[in-house]
């Protein structure tokens, strides 16, 4: 449409295969037949879309965490230190056990949020919980994966380096972790009114 332009492509830290650009609306006139929903309810619609988007970010976070775990298990079974595979060290085993447990807990939250959304239930709090938890454990999992890989975790040849960069968006996109905590707290407090 006349007046609609895109700005420059941003050079991002992670998620580099997904373009991010500014959208410019310069006196754009939208015909009535292009109206989505009811006039004046756009903000309400955006908030509902954000709730669904949070489930998407949670699912992305889960995939990143699973990738970090998979790469860590594989590497720990191949790399030897002091005559033993890394996977034989209790410290490595504990990291893998914790990553796996947290991944399963995140998966359950995400499934619950998606189930509730599919059934038309209010997902404001559960979507924020799923997004917050999954993004935070994905951050932790990628950090642990880099630790397990040692110096190789910092090199672009190994997948955990990319996962480490990509995961940062998960704690920011569709509302920061701090915003998710605010939404969760608001919902909890309203339960006791």
C-alpha atoms as a PDB file:
ATOM      1  CA  UNK A   1       0.000   0.000   0.000  1.00  0.00           C
ATOM      2  CA  UNK A   2       1.054   3.539  -0.585  1.00  0.00           C
ATOM      3  CA  UNK A   3       3.039   4.823   2.387  1.00  0.00           C
ATOM      4  CA  UNK A   4       4.096   1.392   3.652  1.00  0.00           C
ATOM      5  CA  UNK A   5       7.867   0.815   3.631  1.00  0.00           C
ATOM      6  CA  UNK A   6      10.389  -1.427   5.297  1.00  0.00           C
ATOM      7  CA  UNK A   7      13.510  -0.100   6.941  1.00  0.00           C
ATOM      8  CA  UNK A   8      16.992  -1.556   7.017  1.00  0.00           C
ATOM      9  CA  UNK A   9      17.624  -5.168   7.958  1.00  0.00           C
ATOM     10  CA  UNK A  10      19.042  -5.266  11.489  1.00  0.00           C
ATOM     11  CA  UNK A  11      22.361  -7.033  12.168  1.00  0.00           C
ATOM     12  CA  UNK A  12      21.410  -9.182  15.171  1.00  0.00           C
ATOM     13  CA  UNK A  13      23.305 -11.195  17.777  1.00  0.00           C
ATOM     14  CA  UNK A  14      21.312 -14.383  17.199  1.00  0.00           C
ATOM     15  CA  UNK A  15      18.381 -15.786  15.222  1.00  0.00           C
ATOM     16  CA  UNK A  16      20.141 -14.422  12.185  1.00  0.00           C
ATOM     17  CA  UNK A  17      18.117 -16.463   9.695  1.00  0.00           C
ATOM     18  CA  UNK A  18      14.989 -14.560  10.757  1.00  0.00           C
ATOM     19  CA  UNK A  19      15.051 -11.037   9.333  1.00  0.00           C
ATOM     20  CA  UNK A  20      14.227  -8.121  11.616  1.00  0.00           C
ATOM     21  CA  UNK A  21      13.354  -4.811   9.998  1.00  0.00           C
ATOM     22  CA  UNK A  22      11.521  -1.640  10.884  1.00  0.00           C
ATOM     23  CA  UNK A  23       7.998  -1.318   9.439  1.00  0.00           C
ATOM     24  CA  UNK A  24       7.199   2.228   8.368  1.00  0.00           C
ATOM     25  CA  UNK A  25       3.621   3.473   8.002  1.00  0.00           C
ATOM     26  CA  UNK A  26       3.683   6.951   6.457  1.00  0.00           C
ATOM     27  CA  UNK A  27       0.080   8.179   6.113  1.00  0.00           C
ATOM     28  CA  UNK A  28      -1.111   4.704   5.122  1.00  0.00           C
ATOM     29  CA  UNK A  29      -4.833   4.511   4.492  1.00  0.00           C
ATOM     30  CA  UNK A  30      -6.323   1.087   5.143  1.00  0.00           C
ATOM     31  CA  UNK A  31      -9.569   0.363   3.294  1.00  0.00           C
ATOM     32  CA  UNK A  32     -12.513  -0.757   5.444  1.00  0.00           C
ATOM     33  CA  UNK A  33     -12.588  -4.188   3.781  1.00  0.00           C
ATOM     34  CA  UNK A  34      -9.046  -4.805   5.147  1.00  0.00           C
ATOM     35  CA  UNK A  35     -10.100  -4.227   8.762  1.00  0.00           C
ATOM     36  CA  UNK A  36      -9.347  -7.229  10.974  1.00  0.00           C
ATOM     37  CA  UNK A  37     -11.680  -7.524  13.958  1.00  0.00           C
ATOM     38  CA  UNK A  38     -13.671  -4.635  15.347  1.00  0.00           C
ATOM     39  CA  UNK A  39     -12.561  -1.044  15.011  1.00  0.00           C
ATOM     40  CA  UNK A  40     -11.072   0.273  18.243  1.00  0.00           C
ATOM     41  CA  UNK A  41     -10.204  -3.190  19.603  1.00  0.00           C
ATOM     42  CA  UNK A  42      -6.743  -3.459  18.063  1.00  0.00           C
ATOM     43  CA  UNK A  43      -4.894  -3.179  21.369  1.00  0.00           C
ATOM     44  CA  UNK A  44      -7.019  -5.966  22.887  1.00  0.00           C
ATOM     45  CA  UNK A  45      -6.280  -8.136  19.843  1.00  0.00           C
ATOM     46  CA  UNK A  46      -2.549  -7.454  20.104  1.00  0.00           C
ATOM     47  CA  UNK A  47      -2.540  -8.575  23.756  1.00  0.00           C
ATOM     48  CA  UNK A  48      -4.334 -11.812  22.817  1.00  0.00           C
ATOM     49  CA  UNK A  49      -1.850 -12.398  20.000  1.00  0.00           C
ATOM     50  CA  UNK A  50       1.019 -11.830  22.449  1.00  0.00           C
ATOM     51  CA  UNK A  51      -0.365 -14.558  24.732  1.00  0.00           C
ATOM     52  CA  UNK A  52      -0.315 -17.041  21.838  1.00  0.00           C
ATOM     53  CA  UNK A  53       3.088 -15.799  20.731  1.00  0.00           C
ATOM     54  CA  UNK A  54       4.453 -16.517  24.186  1.00  0.00           C
ATOM     55  CA  UNK A  55       3.613 -20.181  23.686  1.00  0.00           C
ATOM     56  CA  UNK A  56       5.562 -20.004  20.412  1.00  0.00           C
ATOM     57  CA  UNK A  57       8.591 -18.454  22.114  1.00  0.00           C
ATOM     58  CA  UNK A  58       8.341 -21.108  24.841  1.00  0.00           C
ATOM     59  CA  UNK A  59       8.363 -23.823  22.166  1.00  0.00           C
ATOM     60  CA  UNK A  60      11.384 -22.221  20.465  1.00  0.00           C
ATOM     61  CA  UNK A  61      13.110 -22.116  23.851  1.00  0.00           C
ATOM     62  CA  UNK A  62      12.351 -25.782  24.377  1.00  0.00           C
ATOM     63  CA  UNK A  63      13.910 -26.651  21.012  1.00  0.00           C
ATOM     64  CA  UNK A  64      17.044 -24.673  21.839  1.00  0.00           C
ATOM     65  CA  UNK A  65      17.324 -26.366  25.249  1.00  0.00           C
ATOM     66  CA  UNK A  66      16.864 -29.802  23.665  1.00  0.00           C
ATOM     67  CA  UNK A  67      19.546 -28.969  21.093  1.00  0.00           C
ATOM     68  CA  UNK A  68      21.920 -27.927  23.871  1.00  0.00           C
ATOM     69  CA  UNK A  69      21.263 -31.153  25.769  1.00  0.00           C
ATOM     70  CA  UNK A  70      21.685 -33.340  22.677  1.00  0.00           C
ATOM     71  CA  UNK A  71      24.956 -31.638  21.703  1.00  0.00           C
ATOM     72  CA  UNK A  72      26.222 -31.942  25.281  1.00  0.00           C
ATOM     73  CA  UNK A  73      25.432 -35.643  25.556  1.00  0.00           C
ATOM     74  CA  UNK A  74      27.082 -36.352  22.203  1.00  0.00           C
ATOM     75  CA  UNK A  75      30.187 -34.312  23.028  1.00  0.00           C
ATOM     76  CA  UNK A  76      30.504 -35.742  26.551  1.00  0.00           C
ATOM     77  CA  UNK A  77      30.559 -39.278  25.112  1.00  0.00           C
ATOM     78  CA  UNK A  78      33.308 -38.370  22.606  1.00  0.00           C
ATOM     79  CA  UNK A  79      35.626 -36.114  24.625  1.00  0.00           C
ATOM     80  CA  UNK A  80      38.138 -37.543  27.075  1.00  0.00           C
ATOM     81  CA  UNK A  81      39.799 -35.712  29.942  1.00  0.00           C
ATOM     82  CA  UNK A  82      42.216 -37.332  32.388  1.00  0.00           C
ATOM     83  CA  UNK A  83      41.676 -40.705  30.715  1.00  0.00           C
ATOM     84  CA  UNK A  84      37.877 -40.697  31.079  1.00  0.00           C
ATOM     85  CA  UNK A  85      35.003 -39.575  28.888  1.00  0.00           C
ATOM     86  CA  UNK A  86      33.364 -36.394  30.157  1.00  0.00           C
ATOM     87  CA  UNK A  87      30.128 -38.388  30.462  1.00  0.00           C
ATOM     88  CA  UNK A  88      31.775 -40.512  33.150  1.00  0.00           C
ATOM     89  CA  UNK A  89      32.324 -37.536  35.458  1.00  0.00           C
ATOM     90  CA  UNK A  90      29.609 -36.974  38.032  1.00  0.00           C
ATOM     91  CA  UNK A  91      29.753 -33.198  37.518  1.00  0.00           C
ATOM     92  CA  UNK A  92      28.859 -33.665  33.840  1.00  0.00           C
ATOM     93  CA  UNK A  93      26.189 -36.243  34.663  1.00  0.00           C
ATOM     94  CA  UNK A  94      24.555 -33.848  37.141  1.00  0.00           C
ATOM     95  CA  UNK A  95      24.493 -31.063  34.532  1.00  0.00           C
ATOM     96  CA  UNK A  96      22.859 -33.387  31.994  1.00  0.00           C
ATOM     97  CA  UNK A  97      20.348 -34.704  34.537  1.00  0.00           C
ATOM     98  CA  UNK A  98      19.302 -31.194  35.554  1.00  0.00           C
ATOM     99  CA  UNK A  99      19.038 -30.027  31.948  1.00  0.00           C
ATOM    100  CA  UNK A 100      16.860 -33.013  31.063  1.00  0.00           C
ATOM    101  CA  UNK A 101      14.583 -32.583  34.076  1.00  0.00           C
ATOM    102  CA  UNK A 102      14.068 -28.877  33.431  1.00  0.00           C
ATOM    103  CA  UNK A 103      13.387 -29.526  29.746  1.00  0.00           C
ATOM    104  CA  UNK A 104      10.615 -31.987  30.648  1.00  0.00           C
ATOM    105  CA  UNK A 105       9.080 -29.530  33.135  1.00  0.00           C
ATOM    106  CA  UNK A 106       9.111 -26.820  30.455  1.00  0.00           C
ATOM    107  CA  UNK A 107       7.532 -29.210  27.941  1.00  0.00           C
ATOM    108  CA  UNK A 108       4.634 -29.881  30.337  1.00  0.00           C
ATOM    109  CA  UNK A 109       4.001 -26.160  30.896  1.00  0.00           C
ATOM    110  CA  UNK A 110       4.057 -25.545  27.154  1.00  0.00           C
ATOM    111  CA  UNK A 111       1.674 -28.445  26.462  1.00  0.00           C
ATOM    112  CA  UNK A 112      -0.708 -27.185  29.141  1.00  0.00           C
ATOM    113  CA  UNK A 113      -0.670 -23.655  27.712  1.00  0.00           C
ATOM    114  CA  UNK A 114      -1.240 -24.942  24.171  1.00  0.00           C
ATOM    115  CA  UNK A 115      -4.046 -27.248  25.355  1.00  0.00           C
ATOM    116  CA  UNK A 116      -5.768 -24.361  27.138  1.00  0.00           C
ATOM    117  CA  UNK A 117      -5.402 -22.125  24.077  1.00  0.00           C
ATOM    118  CA  UNK A 118      -6.854 -24.829  21.822  1.00  0.00           C
ATOM    119  CA  UNK A 119      -9.821 -25.081  24.202  1.00  0.00           C
ATOM    120  CA  UNK A 120     -10.495 -21.333  24.229  1.00  0.00           C
ATOM    121  CA  UNK A 121      -9.460 -20.861  27.853  1.00  0.00           C
ATOM    122  CA  UNK A 122      -7.787 -17.757  29.264  1.00  0.00           C
ATOM    123  CA  UNK A 123      -4.067 -18.364  28.764  1.00  0.00           C
ATOM    124  CA  UNK A 124      -2.676 -15.055  30.009  1.00  0.00           C
ATOM    125  CA  UNK A 125      -0.960 -16.491  33.090  1.00  0.00           C
ATOM    126  CA  UNK A 126      -0.067 -19.981  31.826  1.00  0.00           C
ATOM    127  CA  UNK A 127       1.402 -18.613  28.573  1.00  0.00           C
ATOM    128  CA  UNK A 128       3.585 -16.240  30.601  1.00  0.00           C
ATOM    129  CA  UNK A 129       4.616 -19.071  32.920  1.00  0.00           C
ATOM    130  CA  UNK A 130       5.521 -21.326  29.988  1.00  0.00           C
ATOM    131  CA  UNK A 131       7.447 -18.560  28.219  1.00  0.00           C
ATOM    132  CA  UNK A 132       9.268 -17.452  31.374  1.00  0.00           C
ATOM    133  CA  UNK A 133      10.266 -20.932  32.499  1.00  0.00           C
ATOM    134  CA  UNK A 134      11.182 -22.312  29.088  1.00  0.00           C
ATOM    135  CA  UNK A 135      13.264 -19.280  28.136  1.00  0.00           C
ATOM    136  CA  UNK A 136      15.071 -19.242  31.473  1.00  0.00           C
ATOM    137  CA  UNK A 137      15.907 -22.967  31.385  1.00  0.00           C
ATOM    138  CA  UNK A 138      16.977 -22.689  27.738  1.00  0.00           C
ATOM    139  CA  UNK A 139      19.380 -19.944  28.773  1.00  0.00           C
ATOM    140  CA  UNK A 140      20.689 -22.126  31.576  1.00  0.00           C
ATOM    141  CA  UNK A 141      20.947 -25.191  29.315  1.00  0.00           C
ATOM    142  CA  UNK A 142      22.930 -23.377  26.627  1.00  0.00           C
ATOM    143  CA  UNK A 143      25.245 -21.917  29.243  1.00  0.00           C
ATOM    144  CA  UNK A 144      25.849 -25.395  30.689  1.00  0.00           C
ATOM    145  CA  UNK A 145      26.361 -26.800  27.182  1.00  0.00           C
ATOM    146  CA  UNK A 146      29.112 -24.253  26.532  1.00  0.00           C
ATOM    147  CA  UNK A 147      30.682 -25.205  29.878  1.00  0.00           C
ATOM    148  CA  UNK A 148      30.580 -28.919  29.014  1.00  0.00           C
ATOM    149  CA  UNK A 149      32.210 -28.187  25.659  1.00  0.00           C
ATOM    150  CA  UNK A 150      34.861 -26.017  27.313  1.00  0.00           C
ATOM    151  CA  UNK A 151      36.840 -23.939  24.823  1.00  0.00           C
ATOM    152  CA  UNK A 152      35.129 -25.683  21.910  1.00  0.00           C
ATOM    153  CA  UNK A 153      31.801 -24.298  23.103  1.00  0.00           C
ATOM    154  CA  UNK A 154      33.073 -20.848  22.196  1.00  0.00           C
ATOM    155  CA  UNK A 155      33.973 -21.818  18.622  1.00  0.00           C
ATOM    156  CA  UNK A 156      31.544 -21.453  15.730  1.00  0.00           C
ATOM    157  CA  UNK A 157      32.259 -24.994  14.487  1.00  0.00           C
ATOM    158  CA  UNK A 158      30.244 -26.387  17.398  1.00  0.00           C
ATOM    159  CA  UNK A 159      26.450 -25.920  17.505  1.00  0.00           C
ATOM    160  CA  UNK A 160      26.316 -24.769  21.117  1.00  0.00           C
ATOM    161  CA  UNK A 161      27.962 -21.469  20.187  1.00  0.00           C
ATOM    162  CA  UNK A 162      25.025 -20.630  17.905  1.00  0.00           C
ATOM    163  CA  UNK A 163      22.469 -21.857  20.438  1.00  0.00           C
ATOM    164  CA  UNK A 164      24.107 -19.632  23.052  1.00  0.00           C
ATOM    165  CA  UNK A 165      23.648 -16.592  20.804  1.00  0.00           C
ATOM    166  CA  UNK A 166      20.137 -17.542  19.679  1.00  0.00           C
ATOM    167  CA  UNK A 167      18.762 -18.138  23.173  1.00  0.00           C
ATOM    168  CA  UNK A 168      19.061 -14.500  24.244  1.00  0.00           C
ATOM    169  CA  UNK A 169      16.041 -13.510  22.183  1.00  0.00           C
ATOM    170  CA  UNK A 170      13.923 -16.024  24.110  1.00  0.00           C
ATOM    171  CA  UNK A 171      14.139 -13.984  27.329  1.00  0.00           C
ATOM    172  CA  UNK A 172      13.270 -10.791  25.420  1.00  0.00           C
ATOM    173  CA  UNK A 173      10.804 -11.668  22.627  1.00  0.00           C
ATOM    174  CA  UNK A 174       7.046 -11.407  23.304  1.00  0.00           C
ATOM    175  CA  UNK A 175       7.880  -9.601  26.557  1.00  0.00           C
ATOM    176  CA  UNK A 176      10.963  -9.820  28.739  1.00  0.00           C
ATOM    177  CA  UNK A 177      11.259 -12.231  31.654  1.00  0.00           C
ATOM    178  CA  UNK A 178      10.548  -9.300  33.958  1.00  0.00           C
ATOM    179  CA  UNK A 179       7.291  -8.568  32.091  1.00  0.00           C
ATOM    180  CA  UNK A 180       6.297 -12.239  32.371  1.00  0.00           C
ATOM    181  CA  UNK A 181       6.850 -12.099  36.129  1.00  0.00           C
ATOM    182  CA  UNK A 182       4.647  -8.990  36.323  1.00  0.00           C
ATOM    183  CA  UNK A 183       1.858 -10.719  34.364  1.00  0.00           C
ATOM    184  CA  UNK A 184       2.076 -13.851  36.515  1.00  0.00           C
ATOM    185  CA  UNK A 185       2.053 -11.815  39.738  1.00  0.00           C
ATOM    186  CA  UNK A 186      -0.929  -9.730  38.551  1.00  0.00           C
ATOM    187  CA  UNK A 187      -2.865 -12.923  37.774  1.00  0.00           C
ATOM    188  CA  UNK A 188      -1.981 -14.525  41.111  1.00  0.00           C
ATOM    189  CA  UNK A 189      -2.939 -11.411  43.066  1.00  0.00           C
ATOM    190  CA  UNK A 190      -6.284 -11.174  41.252  1.00  0.00           C
ATOM    191  CA  UNK A 191      -7.118 -14.735  42.342  1.00  0.00           C
ATOM    192  CA  UNK A 192      -7.356 -13.485  45.923  1.00  0.00           C
ATOM    193  CA  UNK A 193      -9.557 -10.421  45.331  1.00  0.00           C
END
